[in-house]
């Protein structure tokens, strides 16, 4: 014999249960994110130490050779160092603005204007990192620079 279902629309019970589950999951996730958000940028400032080796020369006809990096190679590395400092400062400023908003020490419009300025600064930073690039004669720098450009574009 066939059983008769008195409720022609069983979704009346299932749909509210699904919605309650989704709301509970969202509530739990948001609370965990807001309480466990301990983002801090730590600037690693390690002093560079150069060690000079003492060499004793017994032969008076020796020639000394020094290894120096080409000027364009050094200029590129110095440019990257400056861009790293700029990125660190931008990160600190964004975190400070976010803290100001979380502490409600700024209005909505002030926070919005600050974050718009950060977006413009980040856009300029992407252009700065992307444009000049390393000298083409150094394949390892070109490859590393392409990876750096990919990372910067992902962050922006």
N, C-alpha and C. Protein backbone atom coordinates (compact mmCIF):
# COMPACT_ATOMS: atom_id res chain seq x y z
N UNK A 1 0.82 -1.16 0.00
CA UNK A 1 0.00 0.00 0.00
C UNK A 1 0.89 1.25 0.00
N UNK A 2 0.43 2.25 -0.60
CA UNK A 2 1.16 3.49 -0.78
C UNK A 2 0.96 4.40 0.43
N UNK A 3 2.08 5.01 0.91
CA UNK A 3 1.94 5.94 2.03
C UNK A 3 1.65 7.32 1.48
N UNK A 4 0.82 8.01 2.16
CA UNK A 4 0.41 9.33 1.71
C UNK A 4 1.13 10.39 2.54
N UNK A 5 1.76 11.33 1.87
CA UNK A 5 2.45 12.43 2.52
C UNK A 5 1.45 13.57 2.72
N UNK A 6 1.11 13.91 3.97
CA UNK A 6 0.12 14.95 4.19
C UNK A 6 0.63 16.35 3.81
N UNK A 7 1.96 16.53 3.81
CA UNK A 7 2.51 17.84 3.46
C UNK A 7 2.98 17.78 2.02
N UNK A 8 2.29 18.47 1.11
CA UNK A 8 2.66 18.38 -0.31
C UNK A 8 3.98 19.10 -0.62
N UNK A 9 4.46 19.93 0.27
CA UNK A 9 5.70 20.68 0.02
C UNK A 9 6.65 20.48 1.19
N UNK A 10 7.48 19.42 1.16
CA UNK A 10 8.39 19.16 2.29
C UNK A 10 9.49 20.21 2.43
N UNK A 11 9.71 21.04 1.42
CA UNK A 11 10.71 22.09 1.49
C UNK A 11 10.39 23.15 2.52
N UNK A 12 9.16 23.18 2.98
CA UNK A 12 8.78 24.16 4.00
C UNK A 12 9.56 23.97 5.29
N UNK A 13 10.00 22.76 5.54
CA UNK A 13 10.77 22.48 6.75
C UNK A 13 12.27 22.54 6.46
N UNK A 14 12.68 22.03 5.31
CA UNK A 14 14.10 21.91 4.99
C UNK A 14 14.73 23.28 4.75
N UNK A 15 14.07 24.14 4.00
CA UNK A 15 14.65 25.44 3.66
C UNK A 15 14.94 26.30 4.90
N UNK A 16 14.04 26.44 5.84
CA UNK A 16 14.39 27.22 7.04
C UNK A 16 15.56 26.63 7.82
N UNK A 17 15.67 25.30 7.87
CA UNK A 17 16.79 24.68 8.56
C UNK A 17 18.12 25.00 7.87
N UNK A 18 18.11 24.98 6.54
CA UNK A 18 19.32 25.32 5.77
C UNK A 18 19.69 26.78 6.01
N UNK A 19 18.71 27.67 5.99
CA UNK A 19 18.99 29.09 6.22
C UNK A 19 19.54 29.34 7.63
N UNK A 20 18.97 28.68 8.62
CA UNK A 20 19.47 28.84 9.99
C UNK A 20 20.91 28.35 10.09
N UNK A 21 21.22 27.25 9.42
CA UNK A 21 22.59 26.74 9.41
C UNK A 21 23.56 27.71 8.75
N UNK A 22 23.15 28.31 7.64
CA UNK A 22 24.01 29.28 6.94
C UNK A 22 24.25 30.51 7.80
N UNK A 23 23.21 30.99 8.45
CA UNK A 23 23.35 32.18 9.30
C UNK A 23 24.26 31.87 10.49
N UNK A 24 24.11 30.71 11.10
CA UNK A 24 24.96 30.34 12.24
C UNK A 24 26.42 30.22 11.82
N UNK A 25 26.66 29.62 10.65
CA UNK A 25 28.03 29.47 10.15
C UNK A 25 28.65 30.84 9.88
N UNK A 26 27.90 31.73 9.25
CA UNK A 26 28.40 33.07 8.95
C UNK A 26 28.70 33.83 10.24
N UNK A 27 27.82 33.76 11.20
CA UNK A 27 28.01 34.44 12.48
C UNK A 27 29.28 33.94 13.18
N UNK A 28 29.46 32.63 13.20
CA UNK A 28 30.64 32.04 13.84
C UNK A 28 31.92 32.48 13.13
N UNK A 29 31.91 32.44 11.79
CA UNK A 29 33.09 32.82 11.02
C UNK A 29 33.46 34.29 11.26
N UNK A 30 32.48 35.18 11.22
CA UNK A 30 32.74 36.60 11.40
C UNK A 30 33.29 36.87 12.80
N UNK A 31 32.75 36.21 13.80
CA UNK A 31 33.25 36.42 15.16
C UNK A 31 34.68 35.92 15.32
N UNK A 32 35.01 34.81 14.70
CA UNK A 32 36.39 34.31 14.80
C UNK A 32 37.37 35.21 14.08
N UNK A 33 36.97 35.73 12.91
CA UNK A 33 37.86 36.61 12.16
C UNK A 33 38.09 37.90 12.93
N UNK A 34 37.04 38.45 13.52
CA UNK A 34 37.20 39.73 14.21
C UNK A 34 37.97 39.59 15.51
N UNK A 35 37.92 38.43 16.16
CA UNK A 35 38.64 38.29 17.43
C UNK A 35 40.06 37.79 17.24
N UNK A 36 40.36 37.09 16.16
CA UNK A 36 41.70 36.53 15.95
C UNK A 36 42.46 37.29 14.87
N UNK A 37 42.22 38.57 14.75
CA UNK A 37 42.85 39.36 13.71
C UNK A 37 44.04 40.11 14.30
N UNK A 38 45.15 39.41 14.45
CA UNK A 38 46.36 39.99 15.03
C UNK A 38 47.40 40.21 13.95
N UNK A 39 47.09 41.08 13.00
CA UNK A 39 48.03 41.35 11.92
C UNK A 39 48.97 42.46 12.34
N UNK A 40 50.23 42.19 12.27
CA UNK A 40 51.24 43.19 12.58
C UNK A 40 52.37 43.06 11.57
N UNK A 41 52.83 44.18 11.08
CA UNK A 41 53.99 44.16 10.20
C UNK A 41 55.21 44.39 11.07
N UNK A 42 56.10 43.45 11.04
CA UNK A 42 57.32 43.55 11.83
C UNK A 42 58.46 43.87 10.88
N UNK A 43 59.08 44.98 11.12
CA UNK A 43 60.20 45.38 10.28
C UNK A 43 61.44 44.70 10.80
N UNK A 44 62.08 43.95 9.93
CA UNK A 44 63.27 43.21 10.31
C UNK A 44 64.48 44.06 9.94
N UNK A 45 65.05 44.69 10.94
CA UNK A 45 66.21 45.54 10.71
C UNK A 45 67.44 44.85 11.28
N UNK A 46 68.11 44.12 10.42
CA UNK A 46 69.33 43.46 10.85
C UNK A 46 70.51 44.23 10.28
N UNK A 47 71.46 44.57 11.12
CA UNK A 47 72.61 45.31 10.62
C UNK A 47 73.47 44.42 9.72
N UNK A 48 73.97 45.02 8.69
CA UNK A 48 74.83 44.30 7.76
C UNK A 48 76.26 44.39 8.26
N UNK A 49 76.85 43.25 8.46
CA UNK A 49 78.22 43.21 8.94
C UNK A 49 79.12 42.72 7.82
N UNK A 50 80.18 43.43 7.60
CA UNK A 50 81.14 42.99 6.60
C UNK A 50 82.37 42.47 7.31
N UNK A 51 82.82 41.34 6.85
CA UNK A 51 83.99 40.71 7.45
C UNK A 51 85.14 40.81 6.46
N UNK A 52 86.20 41.40 6.89
CA UNK A 52 87.37 41.53 6.03
C UNK A 52 88.39 40.48 6.46
N UNK A 53 88.85 39.73 5.49
CA UNK A 53 89.84 38.70 5.78
C UNK A 53 91.24 39.29 5.68
N UNK A 54 92.07 38.86 6.58
CA UNK A 54 93.45 39.30 6.52
C UNK A 54 94.22 38.32 5.63
N UNK A 55 94.91 38.88 4.69
CA UNK A 55 95.70 38.03 3.80
C UNK A 55 97.16 38.42 3.95
N UNK A 56 97.97 37.42 3.96
CA UNK A 56 99.40 37.68 4.03
C UNK A 56 100.00 37.37 2.67
N UNK A 57 100.72 38.29 2.17
CA UNK A 57 101.35 38.10 0.87
C UNK A 57 102.85 37.97 1.05
N UNK A 58 103.36 36.88 0.55
CA UNK A 58 104.80 36.66 0.62
C UNK A 58 105.46 36.97 -0.71
N UNK A 59 104.65 36.89 -1.74
CA UNK A 59 105.18 37.13 -3.07
C UNK A 59 104.96 38.60 -3.42
N UNK A 60 105.97 39.26 -3.90
CA UNK A 60 105.85 40.68 -4.20
C UNK A 60 105.27 40.93 -5.59
N UNK A 61 105.11 39.91 -6.40
CA UNK A 61 104.61 40.10 -7.76
C UNK A 61 103.16 39.62 -7.90
N UNK A 62 102.41 39.62 -6.83
CA UNK A 62 101.03 39.16 -6.93
C UNK A 62 100.13 40.28 -7.43
N UNK A 63 99.08 39.88 -8.07
CA UNK A 63 98.08 40.84 -8.53
C UNK A 63 96.80 40.60 -7.74
N UNK A 64 96.14 41.65 -7.42
CA UNK A 64 94.89 41.50 -6.66
C UNK A 64 93.72 41.83 -7.58
N UNK A 65 92.71 41.03 -7.46
CA UNK A 65 91.49 41.28 -8.23
C UNK A 65 90.34 41.44 -7.24
N UNK A 66 89.49 42.35 -7.54
CA UNK A 66 88.32 42.55 -6.70
C UNK A 66 87.08 42.26 -7.53
N UNK A 67 86.09 41.74 -6.87
CA UNK A 67 84.83 41.47 -7.55
C UNK A 67 83.87 42.59 -7.20
N UNK A 68 83.45 43.28 -8.20
CA UNK A 68 82.46 44.34 -7.99
C UNK A 68 81.27 44.08 -8.89
N UNK A 69 80.14 44.47 -8.41
CA UNK A 69 78.93 44.34 -9.22
C UNK A 69 78.85 45.52 -10.17
N UNK A 70 78.32 45.28 -11.35
CA UNK A 70 78.15 46.39 -12.30
C UNK A 70 77.22 47.47 -11.72
N UNK A 71 77.41 48.68 -12.19
CA UNK A 71 76.64 49.81 -11.67
C UNK A 71 75.14 49.64 -11.86
N UNK A 72 74.72 49.13 -13.04
CA UNK A 72 73.28 48.99 -13.28
C UNK A 72 72.68 47.90 -12.39
N UNK A 73 73.44 46.89 -12.05
CA UNK A 73 73.00 45.83 -11.14
C UNK A 73 72.79 46.41 -9.74
N UNK A 74 73.76 47.17 -9.27
CA UNK A 74 73.67 47.79 -7.95
C UNK A 74 72.53 48.80 -7.90
N UNK A 75 72.35 49.57 -8.97
CA UNK A 75 71.27 50.56 -9.01
C UNK A 75 69.91 49.87 -8.91
N UNK A 76 69.77 48.74 -9.59
CA UNK A 76 68.50 47.99 -9.52
C UNK A 76 68.25 47.47 -8.11
N UNK A 77 69.28 46.94 -7.46
CA UNK A 77 69.12 46.44 -6.09
C UNK A 77 68.78 47.58 -5.12
N UNK A 78 69.38 48.74 -5.31
CA UNK A 78 69.06 49.89 -4.45
C UNK A 78 67.62 50.35 -4.68
N UNK A 79 67.19 50.29 -5.93
CA UNK A 79 65.80 50.67 -6.25
C UNK A 79 64.82 49.71 -5.57
N UNK A 80 65.14 48.41 -5.59
CA UNK A 80 64.28 47.43 -4.92
C UNK A 80 64.24 47.67 -3.41
N UNK A 81 65.35 48.03 -2.84
CA UNK A 81 65.39 48.32 -1.41
C UNK A 81 64.49 49.51 -1.08
N UNK A 82 64.54 50.54 -1.90
CA UNK A 82 63.68 51.71 -1.69
C UNK A 82 62.21 51.33 -1.84
N UNK A 83 61.89 50.47 -2.81
CA UNK A 83 60.50 50.04 -3.01
C UNK A 83 60.02 49.18 -1.84
N UNK A 84 60.92 48.39 -1.27
CA UNK A 84 60.56 47.58 -0.09
C UNK A 84 60.21 48.49 1.08
N UNK A 85 61.01 49.53 1.28
CA UNK A 85 60.73 50.48 2.36
C UNK A 85 59.39 51.16 2.13
N UNK A 86 59.12 51.54 0.88
CA UNK A 86 57.85 52.18 0.55
C UNK A 86 56.68 51.24 0.83
N UNK A 87 56.81 49.97 0.46
CA UNK A 87 55.74 48.99 0.70
C UNK A 87 55.51 48.78 2.19
N UNK A 88 56.58 48.73 2.96
CA UNK A 88 56.45 48.55 4.41
C UNK A 88 55.74 49.74 5.04
N UNK A 89 56.10 50.94 4.61
CA UNK A 89 55.44 52.14 5.14
C UNK A 89 53.96 52.17 4.77
N UNK A 90 53.64 51.78 3.54
CA UNK A 90 52.24 51.74 3.12
C UNK A 90 51.46 50.74 3.97
N UNK A 91 52.06 49.58 4.22
CA UNK A 91 51.41 48.58 5.05
C UNK A 91 51.16 49.09 6.47
N UNK A 92 52.14 49.79 7.03
CA UNK A 92 51.97 50.36 8.37
C UNK A 92 50.84 51.39 8.38
N UNK A 93 50.80 52.25 7.35
CA UNK A 93 49.77 53.28 7.29
C UNK A 93 48.38 52.67 7.16
N UNK A 94 48.26 51.62 6.35
CA UNK A 94 46.96 50.96 6.18
C UNK A 94 46.52 50.33 7.49
N UNK A 95 47.43 49.65 8.18
CA UNK A 95 47.07 49.04 9.46
C UNK A 95 46.69 50.10 10.51
N UNK A 96 47.38 51.22 10.49
CA UNK A 96 47.05 52.30 11.42
C UNK A 96 45.67 52.87 11.12
N UNK A 97 45.36 53.08 9.84
CA UNK A 97 44.04 53.58 9.47
C UNK A 97 42.96 52.58 9.83
N UNK A 98 43.25 51.31 9.66
CA UNK A 98 42.29 50.28 10.02
C UNK A 98 42.05 50.27 11.53
N UNK A 99 43.11 50.43 12.31
CA UNK A 99 42.96 50.51 13.76
C UNK A 99 42.13 51.74 14.16
N UNK A 100 42.38 52.86 13.49
CA UNK A 100 41.58 54.06 13.77
C UNK A 100 40.10 53.81 13.51
N UNK A 101 39.81 53.11 12.43
CA UNK A 101 38.41 52.80 12.12
C UNK A 101 37.84 51.83 13.15
N UNK A 102 38.62 50.81 13.51
CA UNK A 102 38.14 49.84 14.50
C UNK A 102 37.90 50.50 15.86
N UNK A 103 38.75 51.46 16.21
CA UNK A 103 38.60 52.16 17.49
C UNK A 103 37.58 53.29 17.42
N UNK A 104 37.02 53.49 16.24
CA UNK A 104 36.01 54.53 15.98
C UNK A 104 36.53 55.92 16.31
N UNK A 105 37.80 56.15 16.01
CA UNK A 105 38.38 57.48 16.23
C UNK A 105 38.30 58.35 14.98
N UNK A 106 37.80 57.80 13.88
CA UNK A 106 37.59 58.57 12.66
C UNK A 106 36.17 58.31 12.17
N UNK A 107 35.67 59.26 11.39
CA UNK A 107 34.32 59.08 10.83
C UNK A 107 34.40 58.18 9.61
N UNK A 108 33.24 57.77 9.15
CA UNK A 108 33.18 56.90 7.97
C UNK A 108 33.80 57.59 6.77
N UNK A 109 33.47 58.86 6.58
CA UNK A 109 33.97 59.58 5.41
C UNK A 109 35.49 59.75 5.48
N UNK A 110 36.02 60.03 6.67
CA UNK A 110 37.48 60.16 6.81
C UNK A 110 38.18 58.84 6.50
N UNK A 111 37.63 57.75 7.01
CA UNK A 111 38.22 56.44 6.74
C UNK A 111 38.14 56.11 5.26
N UNK A 112 37.01 56.42 4.65
CA UNK A 112 36.83 56.16 3.22
C UNK A 112 37.85 56.94 2.40
N UNK A 113 38.04 58.21 2.75
CA UNK A 113 39.02 59.04 2.03
C UNK A 113 40.44 58.51 2.21
N UNK A 114 40.76 58.07 3.44
CA UNK A 114 42.09 57.50 3.69
C UNK A 114 42.33 56.26 2.83
N UNK A 115 41.35 55.38 2.79
CA UNK A 115 41.52 54.15 2.04
C UNK A 115 41.56 54.41 0.53
N UNK A 116 40.85 55.43 0.07
CA UNK A 116 40.96 55.80 -1.35
C UNK A 116 42.38 56.26 -1.66
N UNK A 117 42.95 57.03 -0.74
CA UNK A 117 44.34 57.49 -0.93
C UNK A 117 45.30 56.30 -0.93
N UNK A 118 45.04 55.31 -0.06
CA UNK A 118 45.89 54.12 -0.04
C UNK A 118 45.78 53.34 -1.34
N UNK A 119 44.59 53.26 -1.90
CA UNK A 119 44.41 52.56 -3.17
C UNK A 119 45.19 53.26 -4.27
N UNK A 120 45.12 54.60 -4.29
CA UNK A 120 45.88 55.35 -5.29
C UNK A 120 47.39 55.15 -5.10
N UNK A 121 47.83 55.14 -3.86
CA UNK A 121 49.25 54.91 -3.57
C UNK A 121 49.67 53.51 -4.00
N UNK A 122 48.82 52.53 -3.74
CA UNK A 122 49.13 51.16 -4.14
C UNK A 122 49.19 51.04 -5.66
N UNK A 123 48.30 51.74 -6.34
CA UNK A 123 48.32 51.72 -7.81
C UNK A 123 49.63 52.32 -8.33
N UNK A 124 50.06 53.42 -7.72
CA UNK A 124 51.33 54.03 -8.12
C UNK A 124 52.50 53.11 -7.79
N UNK A 125 52.40 52.39 -6.69
CA UNK A 125 53.46 51.44 -6.31
C UNK A 125 53.57 50.32 -7.34
N UNK A 126 52.44 49.83 -7.83
CA UNK A 126 52.46 48.78 -8.86
C UNK A 126 53.17 49.30 -10.11
N UNK A 127 52.87 50.54 -10.49
CA UNK A 127 53.52 51.12 -11.67
C UNK A 127 55.02 51.27 -11.42
N UNK A 128 55.39 51.70 -10.23
CA UNK A 128 56.81 51.89 -9.90
C UNK A 128 57.57 50.57 -9.97
N UNK A 129 56.96 49.51 -9.45
CA UNK A 129 57.63 48.21 -9.45
C UNK A 129 57.70 47.64 -10.85
N UNK A 130 56.65 47.83 -11.63
CA UNK A 130 56.55 47.20 -12.94
C UNK A 130 57.43 47.86 -13.99
N UNK A 131 57.44 49.19 -14.02
CA UNK A 131 58.03 49.89 -15.15
C UNK A 131 59.52 49.69 -15.40
N UNK A 132 60.41 50.12 -14.52
CA UNK A 132 61.80 50.11 -14.97
C UNK A 132 62.37 48.72 -15.19
N UNK A 133 62.18 47.85 -14.25
CA UNK A 133 62.69 46.49 -14.40
C UNK A 133 64.19 46.42 -14.26
N UNK A 134 64.70 45.20 -14.23
CA UNK A 134 66.14 45.00 -14.08
C UNK A 134 66.86 45.14 -15.42
N UNK A 135 68.16 45.22 -15.39
CA UNK A 135 68.92 45.20 -16.64
C UNK A 135 68.69 43.87 -17.37
N UNK A 136 68.50 43.91 -18.66
CA UNK A 136 68.15 42.71 -19.43
C UNK A 136 69.27 41.68 -19.51
N UNK A 137 70.49 42.08 -19.28
CA UNK A 137 71.60 41.12 -19.43
C UNK A 137 71.72 40.15 -18.26
N UNK A 138 70.93 40.33 -17.22
CA UNK A 138 70.98 39.43 -16.06
C UNK A 138 69.69 38.62 -16.00
N UNK A 139 69.75 37.39 -16.47
CA UNK A 139 68.55 36.56 -16.58
C UNK A 139 67.93 36.26 -15.22
N UNK A 140 68.77 36.07 -14.21
CA UNK A 140 68.22 35.77 -12.88
C UNK A 140 67.43 36.95 -12.32
N UNK A 141 67.88 38.17 -12.58
CA UNK A 141 67.14 39.34 -12.13
C UNK A 141 65.83 39.51 -12.89
N UNK A 142 65.86 39.21 -14.18
CA UNK A 142 64.64 39.34 -14.99
C UNK A 142 63.59 38.35 -14.49
N UNK A 143 63.99 37.12 -14.23
CA UNK A 143 63.05 36.10 -13.73
C UNK A 143 62.50 36.50 -12.37
N UNK A 144 63.36 36.94 -11.49
CA UNK A 144 62.91 37.35 -10.15
C UNK A 144 61.99 38.57 -10.23
N UNK A 145 62.28 39.47 -11.16
CA UNK A 145 61.45 40.66 -11.29
C UNK A 145 60.06 40.30 -11.81
N UNK A 146 59.97 39.33 -12.70
CA UNK A 146 58.66 38.88 -13.19
C UNK A 146 57.84 38.29 -12.04
N UNK A 147 58.49 37.52 -11.17
CA UNK A 147 57.79 36.97 -10.00
C UNK A 147 57.34 38.09 -9.07
N UNK A 148 58.18 39.09 -8.89
CA UNK A 148 57.84 40.22 -8.05
C UNK A 148 56.64 40.98 -8.61
N UNK A 149 56.62 41.19 -9.94
CA UNK A 149 55.49 41.87 -10.56
C UNK A 149 54.20 41.09 -10.36
N UNK A 150 54.28 39.77 -10.47
CA UNK A 150 53.09 38.94 -10.26
C UNK A 150 52.59 39.09 -8.83
N UNK A 151 53.48 39.06 -7.86
CA UNK A 151 53.08 39.21 -6.46
C UNK A 151 52.47 40.58 -6.19
N UNK A 152 53.07 41.62 -6.73
CA UNK A 152 52.56 42.97 -6.51
C UNK A 152 51.17 43.12 -7.11
N UNK A 153 50.96 42.55 -8.30
CA UNK A 153 49.64 42.63 -8.92
C UNK A 153 48.61 41.83 -8.15
N UNK A 154 49.02 40.73 -7.53
CA UNK A 154 48.08 39.95 -6.72
C UNK A 154 47.66 40.72 -5.48
N UNK A 155 48.60 41.43 -4.88
CA UNK A 155 48.28 42.20 -3.68
C UNK A 155 47.39 43.38 -4.02
N UNK A 156 47.66 44.04 -5.15
CA UNK A 156 46.88 45.20 -5.54
C UNK A 156 45.51 44.74 -5.97
